[in-house]
Amino acid sequence: MAPGILLEILREAIKTILIMVAPILGFSLLVGLTVSIFQAMTQIQEQTLAFVPKIVAVLLVLFLLGGWIMDLAVEFTARLWSEGLVPF
């Protein structure tokens, strides 16, 4: 396999991964920021308070966008197979 083809595959894989995780990370960041502002306003400094809403938010986003994320992964894999870029 030529180095140019391998670099193209890696570039597409990284781009696909970033597109798949961006909504999850963005929503988790938004929830974390909201909880941090709430903690600062109420002066509650409980460390575990930030984790539960983030976990719930990530699970909710995965539940809502899981099909879309899976479609992206399947599309990328099918494109690799159809172009004959996977050796097995």
N, C-alpha and C. Protein backbone atom coordinates (compact mmCIF):
# COMPACT_ATOMS: atom_id res chain seq x y z
N MET A 1 0.86 -1.17 0.00
CA MET A 1 0.00 0.00 0.00
C MET A 1 0.91 1.24 0.00
N ALA A 2 0.62 2.15 -0.87
CA ALA A 2 1.42 3.36 -1.01
C ALA A 2 1.21 4.28 0.20
N PRO A 3 2.26 5.00 0.61
CA PRO A 3 2.11 5.90 1.76
C PRO A 3 1.04 6.98 1.55
N GLY A 4 0.87 7.43 0.32
CA GLY A 4 -0.15 8.44 0.06
C GLY A 4 -1.56 7.92 0.32
N ILE A 5 -1.80 6.68 -0.07
CA ILE A 5 -3.12 6.08 0.16
C ILE A 5 -3.35 5.88 1.65
N LEU A 6 -2.33 5.41 2.35
CA LEU A 6 -2.46 5.21 3.79
C LEU A 6 -2.73 6.53 4.51
N LEU A 7 -2.04 7.57 4.12
CA LEU A 7 -2.28 8.88 4.73
C LEU A 7 -3.69 9.39 4.43
N GLU A 8 -4.18 9.14 3.24
CA GLU A 8 -5.55 9.53 2.89
C GLU A 8 -6.57 8.78 3.74
N ILE A 9 -6.34 7.48 3.95
CA ILE A 9 -7.25 6.69 4.79
C ILE A 9 -7.23 7.22 6.22
N LEU A 10 -6.03 7.49 6.74
CA LEU A 10 -5.93 8.01 8.11
C LEU A 10 -6.59 9.38 8.23
N ARG A 11 -6.43 10.23 7.24
CA ARG A 11 -7.06 11.55 7.27
C ARG A 11 -8.58 11.42 7.28
N GLU A 12 -9.10 10.56 6.44
CA GLU A 12 -10.56 10.35 6.40
C GLU A 12 -11.06 9.73 7.69
N ALA A 13 -10.28 8.81 8.27
CA ALA A 13 -10.69 8.17 9.53
C ALA A 13 -10.74 9.18 10.66
N ILE A 14 -9.73 10.04 10.75
CA ILE A 14 -9.71 11.05 11.81
C ILE A 14 -10.85 12.05 11.61
N LYS A 15 -11.10 12.43 10.37
CA LYS A 15 -12.21 13.35 10.08
C LYS A 15 -13.55 12.73 10.47
N THR A 16 -13.74 11.46 10.14
CA THR A 16 -14.98 10.77 10.48
C THR A 16 -15.15 10.65 11.98
N ILE A 17 -14.07 10.32 12.68
CA ILE A 17 -14.15 10.20 14.14
C ILE A 17 -14.50 11.54 14.78
N LEU A 18 -13.88 12.61 14.31
CA LEU A 18 -14.19 13.93 14.87
C LEU A 18 -15.63 14.33 14.63
N ILE A 19 -16.16 14.00 13.45
CA ILE A 19 -17.56 14.31 13.16
C ILE A 19 -18.48 13.49 14.06
N MET A 20 -18.10 12.24 14.34
CA MET A 20 -18.95 11.37 15.15
C MET A 20 -18.97 11.81 16.62
N VAL A 21 -17.85 12.26 17.16
CA VAL A 21 -17.80 12.58 18.58
C VAL A 21 -18.09 14.04 18.89
N ALA A 22 -18.13 14.90 17.89
CA ALA A 22 -18.35 16.33 18.14
C ALA A 22 -19.65 16.62 18.87
N PRO A 23 -20.79 16.04 18.48
CA PRO A 23 -22.02 16.34 19.23
C PRO A 23 -21.96 15.86 20.68
N ILE A 24 -21.35 14.72 20.90
CA ILE A 24 -21.26 14.18 22.26
C ILE A 24 -20.39 15.09 23.12
N LEU A 25 -19.22 15.44 22.61
CA LEU A 25 -18.32 16.30 23.38
C LEU A 25 -18.89 17.70 23.57
N GLY A 26 -19.54 18.23 22.54
CA GLY A 26 -20.12 19.56 22.65
C GLY A 26 -21.22 19.63 23.69
N PHE A 27 -22.10 18.63 23.66
CA PHE A 27 -23.20 18.63 24.63
C PHE A 27 -22.68 18.40 26.04
N SER A 28 -21.68 17.53 26.18
CA SER A 28 -21.08 17.30 27.49
C SER A 28 -20.40 18.56 28.01
N LEU A 29 -19.74 19.28 27.13
CA LEU A 29 -19.11 20.54 27.52
C LEU A 29 -20.15 21.56 27.97
N LEU A 30 -21.25 21.65 27.25
CA LEU A 30 -22.32 22.58 27.60
C LEU A 30 -22.93 22.23 28.96
N VAL A 31 -23.17 20.96 29.21
CA VAL A 31 -23.73 20.54 30.50
C VAL A 31 -22.73 20.79 31.62
N GLY A 32 -21.45 20.49 31.38
CA GLY A 32 -20.43 20.74 32.38
C GLY A 32 -20.30 22.21 32.72
N LEU A 33 -20.38 23.06 31.71
CA LEU A 33 -20.32 24.50 31.95
C LEU A 33 -21.52 24.98 32.75
N THR A 34 -22.70 24.46 32.42
CA THR A 34 -23.91 24.83 33.14
C THR A 34 -23.83 24.41 34.60
N VAL A 35 -23.36 23.19 34.85
CA VAL A 35 -23.23 22.71 36.22
C VAL A 35 -22.18 23.52 36.98
N SER A 36 -21.09 23.88 36.31
CA SER A 36 -20.04 24.68 36.95
C SER A 36 -20.57 26.06 37.33
N ILE A 37 -21.34 26.68 36.45
CA ILE A 37 -21.94 27.98 36.76
C ILE A 37 -22.90 27.85 37.94
N PHE A 38 -23.70 26.78 37.93
CA PHE A 38 -24.62 26.53 39.04
C PHE A 38 -23.86 26.35 40.35
N GLN A 39 -22.76 25.59 40.31
CA GLN A 39 -21.97 25.38 41.52
C GLN A 39 -21.34 26.69 42.00
N ALA A 40 -20.89 27.51 41.08
CA ALA A 40 -20.29 28.78 41.47
C ALA A 40 -21.33 29.73 42.08
N MET A 41 -22.54 29.71 41.52
CA MET A 41 -23.59 30.60 42.04
C MET A 41 -24.06 30.16 43.42
N THR A 42 -24.17 28.87 43.64
CA THR A 42 -24.68 28.36 44.91
C THR A 42 -23.58 28.02 45.90
N GLN A 43 -22.34 28.11 45.49
CA GLN A 43 -21.17 27.78 46.29
C GLN A 43 -21.19 26.34 46.79
N ILE A 44 -21.78 25.46 46.00
CA ILE A 44 -21.73 24.04 46.29
C ILE A 44 -20.48 23.50 45.60
N GLN A 45 -19.56 22.95 46.36
CA GLN A 45 -18.30 22.48 45.78
C GLN A 45 -18.19 20.97 45.83
N GLU A 46 -19.27 20.28 45.55
CA GLU A 46 -19.26 18.83 45.52
C GLU A 46 -18.66 18.37 44.20
N GLN A 47 -17.60 17.56 44.26
CA GLN A 47 -16.89 17.13 43.06
C GLN A 47 -17.73 16.18 42.20
N THR A 48 -18.53 15.35 42.83
CA THR A 48 -19.30 14.36 42.06
C THR A 48 -20.53 14.95 41.40
N LEU A 49 -20.91 16.16 41.76
CA LEU A 49 -22.11 16.77 41.19
C LEU A 49 -21.98 16.99 39.68
N ALA A 50 -20.78 17.20 39.19
CA ALA A 50 -20.59 17.47 37.76
C ALA A 50 -20.66 16.19 36.92
N PHE A 51 -20.38 15.04 37.51
CA PHE A 51 -20.29 13.81 36.72
C PHE A 51 -21.65 13.24 36.33
N VAL A 52 -22.59 13.23 37.24
CA VAL A 52 -23.89 12.61 36.96
C VAL A 52 -24.62 13.31 35.80
N PRO A 53 -24.73 14.64 35.79
CA PRO A 53 -25.40 15.27 34.65
C PRO A 53 -24.66 15.04 33.33
N LYS A 54 -23.33 15.00 33.37
CA LYS A 54 -22.58 14.75 32.14
C LYS A 54 -22.83 13.34 31.62
N ILE A 55 -22.86 12.37 32.52
CA ILE A 55 -23.12 10.98 32.10
C ILE A 55 -24.51 10.87 31.51
N VAL A 56 -25.48 11.49 32.16
CA VAL A 56 -26.86 11.46 31.64
C VAL A 56 -26.92 12.15 30.28
N ALA A 57 -26.23 13.28 30.13
CA ALA A 57 -26.23 14.01 28.85
C ALA A 57 -25.60 13.18 27.75
N VAL A 58 -24.48 12.52 28.04
CA VAL A 58 -23.81 11.70 27.03
C VAL A 58 -24.70 10.52 26.63
N LEU A 59 -25.32 9.88 27.59
CA LEU A 59 -26.22 8.77 27.27
C LEU A 59 -27.42 9.24 26.46
N LEU A 60 -27.94 10.41 26.77
CA LEU A 60 -29.08 10.96 26.02
C LEU A 60 -28.67 11.26 24.57
N VAL A 61 -27.51 11.87 24.40
CA VAL A 61 -27.04 12.17 23.04
C VAL A 61 -26.77 10.87 22.27
N LEU A 62 -26.19 9.88 22.93
CA LEU A 62 -25.97 8.60 22.26
C LEU A 62 -27.28 7.94 21.88
N PHE A 63 -28.28 8.06 22.75
CA PHE A 63 -29.59 7.49 22.44
C PHE A 63 -30.23 8.20 21.25
N LEU A 64 -30.11 9.53 21.22
CA LEU A 64 -30.74 10.30 20.15
C LEU A 64 -29.97 10.23 18.83
N LEU A 65 -28.64 10.25 18.88
CA LEU A 65 -27.82 10.32 17.67
C LEU A 65 -27.07 9.03 17.38
N GLY A 66 -27.35 7.97 18.13
CA GLY A 66 -26.63 6.72 17.93
C GLY A 66 -26.78 6.14 16.53
N GLY A 67 -27.96 6.24 15.96
CA GLY A 67 -28.18 5.74 14.60
C GLY A 67 -27.38 6.52 13.57
N TRP A 68 -27.34 7.84 13.73
CA TRP A 68 -26.57 8.67 12.81
C TRP A 68 -25.08 8.38 12.92
N ILE A 69 -24.59 8.20 14.15
CA ILE A 69 -23.18 7.89 14.37
C ILE A 69 -22.85 6.54 13.75
N MET A 70 -23.73 5.57 13.93
CA MET A 70 -23.50 4.25 13.35
C MET A 70 -23.52 4.31 11.83
N ASP A 71 -24.41 5.11 11.27
CA ASP A 71 -24.46 5.27 9.81
C ASP A 71 -23.15 5.83 9.26
N LEU A 72 -22.58 6.82 9.97
CA LEU A 72 -21.30 7.38 9.54
C LEU A 72 -20.20 6.33 9.57
N ALA A 73 -20.16 5.53 10.63
CA ALA A 73 -19.13 4.50 10.75
C ALA A 73 -19.29 3.43 9.67
N VAL A 74 -20.53 3.01 9.43
CA VAL A 74 -20.78 2.00 8.41
C VAL A 74 -20.46 2.54 7.02
N GLU A 75 -20.81 3.79 6.77
CA GLU A 75 -20.52 4.41 5.47
C GLU A 75 -19.01 4.49 5.22
N PHE A 76 -18.26 4.86 6.24
CA PHE A 76 -16.81 4.93 6.09
C PHE A 76 -16.22 3.55 5.82
N THR A 77 -16.68 2.56 6.58
CA THR A 77 -16.18 1.19 6.39
C THR A 77 -16.57 0.65 5.02
N ALA A 78 -17.80 0.89 4.60
CA ALA A 78 -18.23 0.42 3.28
C ALA A 78 -17.43 1.09 2.17
N ARG A 79 -17.10 2.36 2.35
CA ARG A 79 -16.29 3.06 1.35
C ARG A 79 -14.89 2.44 1.26
N LEU A 80 -14.32 2.07 2.39
CA LEU A 80 -13.01 1.40 2.37
C LEU A 80 -13.08 0.06 1.66
N TRP A 81 -14.12 -0.70 1.94
CA TRP A 81 -14.28 -2.01 1.30
C TRP A 81 -14.54 -1.86 -0.19
N SER A 82 -15.39 -0.92 -0.59
CA SER A 82 -15.74 -0.79 -1.99
C SER A 82 -14.57 -0.29 -2.84
N GLU A 83 -13.70 0.50 -2.24
CA GLU A 83 -12.54 0.99 -2.98
C GLU A 83 -11.37 0.01 -2.94
N GLY A 84 -11.56 -1.11 -2.25
CA GLY A 84 -10.52 -2.13 -2.18
C GLY A 84 -9.32 -1.71 -1.35
N LEU A 85 -9.53 -0.84 -0.37
CA LEU A 85 -8.43 -0.34 0.43
C LEU A 85 -8.15 -1.19 1.66
N VAL A 86 -9.07 -2.11 1.97
CA VAL A 86 -8.87 -3.02 3.10
C VAL A 86 -8.34 -4.33 2.53
N PRO A 87 -7.18 -4.78 3.01
CA PRO A 87 -6.54 -5.94 2.38
C PRO A 87 -7.21 -7.28 2.64
N PHE A 88 -8.16 -7.38 3.56
CA PHE A 88 -8.79 -8.69 3.80
C PHE A 88 -10.25 -8.67 3.60
